[in-house]
């Protein structure tokens, strides 16, 4: 399974040796492919530089463990575009473009209403719901 990681997932996994990092370790160990693009990578890097510069080394290590794609602007289907703010649309668009099975995000404010739904073949999950669906 291909799992697209939102910027907040990358940030959390780099900043703390907690549940999100453990989720990514377990997903990789189970043979799943972790994916991201330059858009989410840049956002995670900016946030780490502001809020957790000590985690930059862990971030670089994490970056080496994911399938990283260049950013390419891609339009979303109208229904999906209407459900998300403009700044979050490239995240879902990249997951679709990269043919991911899952988008995992901790952004309940913008993606929460989409948790559990499938858009263009991509199921949107919180870290907890993904762990429950795939690893338990």
N, C-alpha and C. Protein backbone atom coordinates (compact mmCIF):
# COMPACT_ATOMS: atom_id res chain seq x y z
N UNK A 1 0.85 -1.18 0.00
CA UNK A 1 0.00 0.00 0.00
C UNK A 1 0.90 1.25 0.00
N UNK A 2 0.49 2.25 -0.77
CA UNK A 2 1.20 3.52 -0.82
C UNK A 2 0.50 4.51 0.12
N UNK A 3 1.27 5.08 1.04
CA UNK A 3 0.73 5.97 2.08
C UNK A 3 1.33 7.35 1.90
N UNK A 4 0.49 8.34 1.57
CA UNK A 4 0.97 9.72 1.43
C UNK A 4 0.96 10.39 2.80
N UNK A 5 2.07 11.02 3.16
CA UNK A 5 2.24 11.66 4.45
C UNK A 5 2.05 13.17 4.33
N UNK A 6 1.12 13.71 5.10
CA UNK A 6 0.93 15.16 5.14
C UNK A 6 2.09 15.79 5.92
N UNK A 7 2.27 17.09 5.79
CA UNK A 7 3.37 17.79 6.44
C UNK A 7 3.33 17.62 7.95
N UNK A 8 2.14 17.63 8.56
CA UNK A 8 2.08 17.51 10.01
C UNK A 8 2.52 16.13 10.48
N UNK A 9 2.37 15.12 9.65
CA UNK A 9 2.85 13.78 9.98
C UNK A 9 4.38 13.76 9.92
N UNK A 10 4.94 14.35 8.88
CA UNK A 10 6.40 14.44 8.77
C UNK A 10 6.98 15.22 9.95
N UNK A 11 6.35 16.33 10.29
CA UNK A 11 6.79 17.17 11.41
C UNK A 11 6.78 16.36 12.70
N UNK A 12 5.66 15.71 12.99
CA UNK A 12 5.52 14.96 14.25
C UNK A 12 6.50 13.80 14.33
N UNK A 13 6.69 13.10 13.23
CA UNK A 13 7.61 11.96 13.22
C UNK A 13 9.06 12.41 13.44
N UNK A 14 9.40 13.58 12.92
CA UNK A 14 10.77 14.10 13.09
C UNK A 14 10.98 14.69 14.48
N UNK A 15 9.98 15.36 15.00
CA UNK A 15 10.13 16.12 16.25
C UNK A 15 10.11 15.24 17.49
N UNK A 16 9.36 14.15 17.45
CA UNK A 16 9.17 13.36 18.65
C UNK A 16 9.28 11.86 18.36
N UNK A 17 9.88 11.16 19.27
CA UNK A 17 9.96 9.70 19.15
C UNK A 17 8.70 9.11 19.77
N UNK A 18 7.55 9.51 19.23
CA UNK A 18 6.27 9.11 19.79
C UNK A 18 5.45 8.24 18.86
N UNK A 19 4.14 8.34 19.00
CA UNK A 19 3.21 7.46 18.29
C UNK A 19 3.27 7.61 16.78
N UNK A 20 3.44 8.81 16.27
CA UNK A 20 3.47 9.00 14.81
C UNK A 20 4.73 8.37 14.23
N UNK A 21 5.87 8.59 14.87
CA UNK A 21 7.11 7.96 14.38
C UNK A 21 6.97 6.44 14.42
N UNK A 22 6.40 5.92 15.49
CA UNK A 22 6.20 4.48 15.61
C UNK A 22 5.26 3.96 14.52
N UNK A 23 4.23 4.72 14.20
CA UNK A 23 3.32 4.33 13.12
C UNK A 23 4.09 4.19 11.81
N UNK A 24 4.94 5.14 11.49
CA UNK A 24 5.70 5.09 10.25
C UNK A 24 6.68 3.91 10.24
N UNK A 25 7.31 3.65 11.37
CA UNK A 25 8.22 2.50 11.47
C UNK A 25 7.45 1.21 11.22
N UNK A 26 6.28 1.10 11.83
CA UNK A 26 5.47 -0.13 11.67
C UNK A 26 4.94 -0.27 10.25
N UNK A 27 4.56 0.84 9.62
CA UNK A 27 4.08 0.77 8.24
C UNK A 27 5.19 0.28 7.32
N UNK A 28 6.39 0.85 7.47
CA UNK A 28 7.53 0.41 6.64
C UNK A 28 7.85 -1.05 6.88
N UNK A 29 7.85 -1.45 8.14
CA UNK A 29 8.16 -2.84 8.48
C UNK A 29 7.15 -3.81 7.88
N UNK A 30 5.91 -3.34 7.71
CA UNK A 30 4.86 -4.18 7.12
C UNK A 30 4.91 -4.15 5.59
N UNK A 31 5.86 -3.41 5.02
CA UNK A 31 6.04 -3.40 3.58
C UNK A 31 5.31 -2.30 2.84
N UNK A 32 4.72 -1.37 3.57
CA UNK A 32 4.02 -0.25 2.93
C UNK A 32 5.03 0.81 2.48
N UNK A 33 4.69 1.53 1.44
CA UNK A 33 5.57 2.56 0.89
C UNK A 33 5.09 3.92 1.37
N UNK A 34 5.98 4.65 2.02
CA UNK A 34 5.67 5.99 2.52
C UNK A 34 6.02 6.99 1.42
N UNK A 35 5.09 7.90 1.14
CA UNK A 35 5.24 8.84 0.03
C UNK A 35 5.01 10.28 0.51
N UNK A 36 5.63 11.20 -0.19
CA UNK A 36 5.42 12.63 0.02
C UNK A 36 5.89 13.34 -1.23
N UNK A 37 5.58 14.62 -1.31
CA UNK A 37 6.13 15.42 -2.40
C UNK A 37 6.82 16.64 -1.81
N UNK A 38 7.46 17.40 -2.66
CA UNK A 38 8.22 18.57 -2.21
C UNK A 38 7.35 19.61 -1.52
N UNK A 39 6.06 19.67 -1.85
CA UNK A 39 5.15 20.64 -1.23
C UNK A 39 5.03 20.38 0.28
N UNK A 40 4.71 19.13 0.66
CA UNK A 40 4.55 18.83 2.08
C UNK A 40 5.91 18.80 2.78
N UNK A 41 6.94 18.37 2.07
CA UNK A 41 8.27 18.35 2.65
C UNK A 41 8.72 19.77 3.03
N UNK A 42 8.48 20.72 2.14
CA UNK A 42 8.88 22.11 2.41
C UNK A 42 8.10 22.69 3.59
N UNK A 43 6.81 22.37 3.68
CA UNK A 43 6.02 22.87 4.81
C UNK A 43 6.51 22.28 6.12
N UNK A 44 6.78 20.99 6.14
CA UNK A 44 7.28 20.35 7.36
C UNK A 44 8.63 20.94 7.76
N UNK A 45 9.51 21.14 6.78
CA UNK A 45 10.83 21.71 7.06
C UNK A 45 10.72 23.12 7.64
N UNK A 46 9.86 23.95 7.05
CA UNK A 46 9.65 25.32 7.57
C UNK A 46 9.18 25.28 9.02
N UNK A 47 8.23 24.42 9.31
CA UNK A 47 7.70 24.34 10.67
C UNK A 47 8.74 23.81 11.65
N UNK A 48 9.54 22.86 11.22
CA UNK A 48 10.60 22.36 12.10
C UNK A 48 11.65 23.42 12.37
N UNK A 49 12.01 24.19 11.37
CA UNK A 49 13.00 25.24 11.56
C UNK A 49 12.50 26.28 12.57
N UNK A 50 11.20 26.53 12.58
CA UNK A 50 10.62 27.49 13.52
C UNK A 50 10.37 26.91 14.90
N UNK A 51 9.92 25.66 14.95
CA UNK A 51 9.43 25.10 16.22
C UNK A 51 10.25 23.95 16.77
N UNK A 52 11.20 23.44 16.01
CA UNK A 52 11.92 22.28 16.50
C UNK A 52 13.21 22.04 15.76
N UNK A 53 14.05 23.06 15.70
CA UNK A 53 15.29 22.97 14.93
C UNK A 53 16.15 21.78 15.35
N UNK A 54 16.01 21.33 16.59
CA UNK A 54 16.80 20.19 17.06
C UNK A 54 16.43 18.90 16.34
N UNK A 55 15.30 18.89 15.64
CA UNK A 55 14.83 17.68 14.97
C UNK A 55 15.23 17.61 13.50
N UNK A 56 16.00 18.55 13.02
CA UNK A 56 16.36 18.59 11.60
C UNK A 56 17.11 17.32 11.17
N UNK A 57 17.96 16.78 12.02
CA UNK A 57 18.68 15.55 11.69
C UNK A 57 17.71 14.38 11.53
N UNK A 58 16.78 14.25 12.46
CA UNK A 58 15.77 13.19 12.35
C UNK A 58 14.90 13.39 11.11
N UNK A 59 14.65 14.63 10.77
CA UNK A 59 13.87 14.94 9.57
C UNK A 59 14.60 14.47 8.32
N UNK A 60 15.90 14.71 8.26
CA UNK A 60 16.69 14.28 7.10
C UNK A 60 16.70 12.77 6.99
N UNK A 61 16.78 12.08 8.10
CA UNK A 61 16.75 10.62 8.11
C UNK A 61 15.39 10.11 7.61
N UNK A 62 14.34 10.74 8.08
CA UNK A 62 12.98 10.38 7.66
C UNK A 62 12.81 10.61 6.16
N UNK A 63 13.29 11.73 5.68
CA UNK A 63 13.19 12.06 4.25
C UNK A 63 13.83 10.98 3.39
N UNK A 64 14.91 10.40 3.87
CA UNK A 64 15.59 9.35 3.12
C UNK A 64 14.81 8.04 3.08
N UNK A 65 13.81 7.91 3.93
CA UNK A 65 13.05 6.66 4.02
C UNK A 65 11.72 6.72 3.28
N UNK A 66 11.44 7.83 2.61
CA UNK A 66 10.17 7.95 1.90
C UNK A 66 10.39 8.11 0.40
N UNK A 67 9.38 7.75 -0.34
CA UNK A 67 9.38 7.92 -1.79
C UNK A 67 8.99 9.38 -2.04
N UNK A 68 9.95 10.19 -2.41
CA UNK A 68 9.75 11.63 -2.54
C UNK A 68 9.58 12.01 -4.00
N UNK A 69 8.51 12.74 -4.29
CA UNK A 69 8.22 13.17 -5.66
C UNK A 69 8.33 14.69 -5.75
N UNK A 70 8.64 15.20 -6.94
CA UNK A 70 8.63 16.65 -7.11
C UNK A 70 7.20 17.18 -7.02
N UNK A 71 7.08 18.45 -6.68
CA UNK A 71 5.77 19.09 -6.65
C UNK A 71 5.32 19.40 -8.07
N UNK A 72 4.09 19.06 -8.38
CA UNK A 72 3.47 19.43 -9.66
C UNK A 72 2.06 19.88 -9.37
N UNK A 73 1.74 21.12 -9.68
CA UNK A 73 0.36 21.57 -9.45
C UNK A 73 -0.62 20.68 -10.21
N UNK A 74 -1.61 20.19 -9.51
CA UNK A 74 -2.61 19.31 -10.08
C UNK A 74 -3.96 19.72 -9.53
N UNK A 75 -4.94 19.83 -10.40
CA UNK A 75 -6.27 20.21 -9.94
C UNK A 75 -7.00 19.02 -9.36
N UNK A 76 -7.77 19.31 -8.33
CA UNK A 76 -8.61 18.30 -7.70
C UNK A 76 -9.98 18.27 -8.38
N UNK A 77 -10.67 17.14 -8.26
CA UNK A 77 -12.06 17.13 -8.68
C UNK A 77 -12.83 18.20 -7.88
N UNK A 78 -13.83 18.79 -8.46
CA UNK A 78 -14.56 19.91 -7.86
C UNK A 78 -15.06 19.61 -6.45
N UNK A 79 -15.61 18.42 -6.24
CA UNK A 79 -16.16 18.06 -4.92
C UNK A 79 -15.06 18.11 -3.85
N UNK A 80 -13.89 17.59 -4.17
CA UNK A 80 -12.79 17.59 -3.20
C UNK A 80 -12.25 19.00 -3.00
N UNK A 81 -12.13 19.75 -4.07
CA UNK A 81 -11.62 21.12 -3.96
C UNK A 81 -12.53 21.97 -3.09
N UNK A 82 -13.82 21.77 -3.20
CA UNK A 82 -14.77 22.55 -2.41
C UNK A 82 -14.70 22.21 -0.92
N UNK A 83 -14.21 21.02 -0.60
CA UNK A 83 -14.17 20.56 0.80
C UNK A 83 -12.91 21.00 1.54
N UNK A 84 -11.92 21.54 0.81
CA UNK A 84 -10.64 21.86 1.44
C UNK A 84 -10.22 23.30 1.16
N UNK A 85 -9.53 23.94 2.12
CA UNK A 85 -8.96 25.26 1.84
C UNK A 85 -7.90 25.14 0.75
N UNK A 86 -7.64 26.22 0.08
CA UNK A 86 -6.71 26.22 -1.05
C UNK A 86 -5.33 25.68 -0.68
N UNK A 87 -4.83 26.01 0.52
CA UNK A 87 -3.48 25.56 0.91
C UNK A 87 -3.41 24.05 1.12
N UNK A 88 -4.52 23.38 1.37
CA UNK A 88 -4.53 21.93 1.59
C UNK A 88 -4.86 21.14 0.33
N UNK A 89 -5.36 21.79 -0.69
CA UNK A 89 -5.71 21.09 -1.92
C UNK A 89 -4.52 20.39 -2.58
N UNK A 90 -3.32 21.01 -2.59
CA UNK A 90 -2.18 20.31 -3.21
C UNK A 90 -1.79 19.01 -2.49
N UNK A 91 -2.14 18.88 -1.23
CA UNK A 91 -1.80 17.68 -0.47
C UNK A 91 -2.61 16.50 -1.01
N UNK A 92 -3.92 16.66 -1.07
CA UNK A 92 -4.77 15.60 -1.60
C UNK A 92 -4.49 15.36 -3.08
N UNK A 93 -4.26 16.43 -3.82
CA UNK A 93 -3.96 16.30 -5.25
C UNK A 93 -2.70 15.46 -5.46
N UNK A 94 -1.69 15.66 -4.64
CA UNK A 94 -0.45 14.88 -4.77
C UNK A 94 -0.69 13.42 -4.44
N UNK A 95 -1.47 13.15 -3.41
CA UNK A 95 -1.77 11.76 -3.05
C UNK A 95 -2.47 11.05 -4.21
N UNK A 96 -3.37 11.76 -4.87
CA UNK A 96 -4.07 11.19 -6.02
C UNK A 96 -3.09 10.99 -7.18
N UNK A 97 -2.32 12.03 -7.48
CA UNK A 97 -1.37 11.99 -8.60
C UNK A 97 -0.34 10.88 -8.44
N UNK A 98 0.08 10.65 -7.21
CA UNK A 98 1.10 9.63 -6.94
C UNK A 98 0.50 8.24 -6.75
N UNK A 99 -0.79 8.14 -6.99
CA UNK A 99 -1.52 6.86 -6.90
C UNK A 99 -1.36 6.19 -5.54
N UNK A 100 -1.48 7.02 -4.51
CA UNK A 100 -1.44 6.49 -3.16
C UNK A 100 -2.80 5.89 -2.81
N UNK A 101 -2.76 4.92 -1.93
CA UNK A 101 -4.00 4.30 -1.46
C UNK A 101 -4.58 5.08 -0.30
N UNK A 102 -3.70 5.75 0.44
CA UNK A 102 -4.08 6.42 1.68
C UNK A 102 -3.38 7.76 1.78
N UNK A 103 -4.07 8.73 2.35
CA UNK A 103 -3.47 10.00 2.80
C UNK A 103 -3.63 10.01 4.31
N UNK A 104 -2.53 10.15 5.04
CA UNK A 104 -2.61 10.23 6.49
C UNK A 104 -2.25 11.64 6.92
N UNK A 105 -3.12 12.22 7.75
CA UNK A 105 -2.94 13.58 8.22
C UNK A 105 -3.49 13.73 9.63
N UNK A 106 -2.86 14.59 10.38
CA UNK A 106 -3.35 14.92 11.72
C UNK A 106 -4.17 16.19 11.70
N UNK A 107 -4.43 16.75 10.54
CA UNK A 107 -5.15 18.02 10.39
C UNK A 107 -6.65 17.79 10.48
N UNK A 108 -7.16 17.75 11.70
CA UNK A 108 -8.60 17.54 11.91
C UNK A 108 -9.42 18.77 11.48
N UNK A 109 -8.82 19.95 11.58
CA UNK A 109 -9.55 21.16 11.23
C UNK A 109 -9.97 21.15 9.77
N UNK A 110 -9.07 20.82 8.87
CA UNK A 110 -9.36 20.89 7.45
C UNK A 110 -9.72 19.55 6.82
N UNK A 111 -9.13 18.48 7.30
CA UNK A 111 -9.38 17.16 6.71
C UNK A 111 -10.34 16.31 7.53
N UNK A 112 -10.62 16.72 8.75
CA UNK A 112 -11.41 15.89 9.66
C UNK A 112 -12.74 15.42 9.09
N UNK A 113 -13.43 16.29 8.38
CA UNK A 113 -14.73 15.91 7.81
C UNK A 113 -14.58 14.89 6.68
N UNK A 114 -13.35 14.72 6.20
CA UNK A 114 -13.09 13.76 5.12
C UNK A 114 -12.51 12.44 5.63
N UNK A 115 -12.19 12.35 6.93
CA UNK A 115 -11.64 11.11 7.46
C UNK A 115 -12.58 9.96 7.15
N UNK A 116 -12.01 8.88 6.64
CA UNK A 116 -12.80 7.69 6.31
C UNK A 116 -13.41 7.71 4.93
N UNK A 117 -13.29 8.83 4.22
CA UNK A 117 -13.86 8.89 2.87
C UNK A 117 -12.78 8.56 1.84
N UNK A 118 -13.24 8.17 0.67
CA UNK A 118 -12.34 7.86 -0.44
C UNK A 118 -12.58 8.87 -1.55
N UNK A 119 -11.52 9.52 -1.98
CA UNK A 119 -11.61 10.49 -3.07
C UNK A 119 -10.61 10.08 -4.13
N UNK A 120 -11.13 9.78 -5.32
CA UNK A 120 -10.28 9.36 -6.44
C UNK A 120 -9.35 8.21 -6.04
N UNK A 121 -9.85 7.28 -5.25
CA UNK A 121 -9.08 6.11 -4.87
C UNK A 121 -8.21 6.26 -3.64
N UNK A 122 -8.19 7.45 -3.03
CA UNK A 122 -7.37 7.72 -1.85
C UNK A 122 -8.26 7.80 -0.61
N UNK A 123 -8.01 6.93 0.35
CA UNK A 123 -8.75 6.96 1.61
C UNK A 123 -8.03 7.91 2.56
N UNK A 124 -8.78 8.82 3.18
CA UNK A 124 -8.19 9.81 4.08
C UNK A 124 -8.32 9.31 5.51
N UNK A 125 -7.17 9.26 6.20
CA UNK A 125 -7.11 8.72 7.56
C UNK A 125 -6.40 9.67 8.50
N UNK A 126 -6.78 9.60 9.77
CA UNK A 126 -5.96 10.14 10.85
C UNK A 126 -4.90 9.08 11.16
N UNK A 127 -3.85 9.44 11.88
CA UNK A 127 -2.88 8.41 12.24
C UNK A 127 -3.52 7.23 13.00
N UNK A 128 -4.41 7.54 13.91
CA UNK A 128 -5.04 6.49 14.71
C UNK A 128 -5.90 5.58 13.84
N UNK A 129 -6.72 6.17 12.97
CA UNK A 129 -7.60 5.33 12.15
C UNK A 129 -6.79 4.48 11.16
N UNK A 130 -5.67 5.01 10.69
CA UNK A 130 -4.83 4.22 9.80
C UNK A 130 -4.20 3.05 10.55
N UNK A 131 -3.69 3.30 11.74
CA UNK A 131 -3.11 2.23 12.54
C UNK A 131 -4.15 1.14 12.82
N UNK A 132 -5.36 1.55 13.17
CA UNK A 132 -6.42 0.59 13.45
C UNK A 132 -6.80 -0.21 12.22
N UNK A 133 -6.85 0.45 11.07
CA UNK A 133 -7.27 -0.21 9.84
C UNK A 133 -6.21 -1.15 9.26
N UNK A 134 -4.95 -0.79 9.43
CA UNK A 134 -3.88 -1.50 8.74
C UNK A 134 -3.03 -2.37 9.66
N UNK A 135 -2.79 -1.92 10.88
CA UNK A 135 -1.80 -2.59 11.72
C UNK A 135 -2.36 -3.43 12.86
N UNK A 136 -3.60 -3.23 13.20
CA UNK A 136 -4.15 -4.00 14.33
C UNK A 136 -4.65 -5.35 13.92
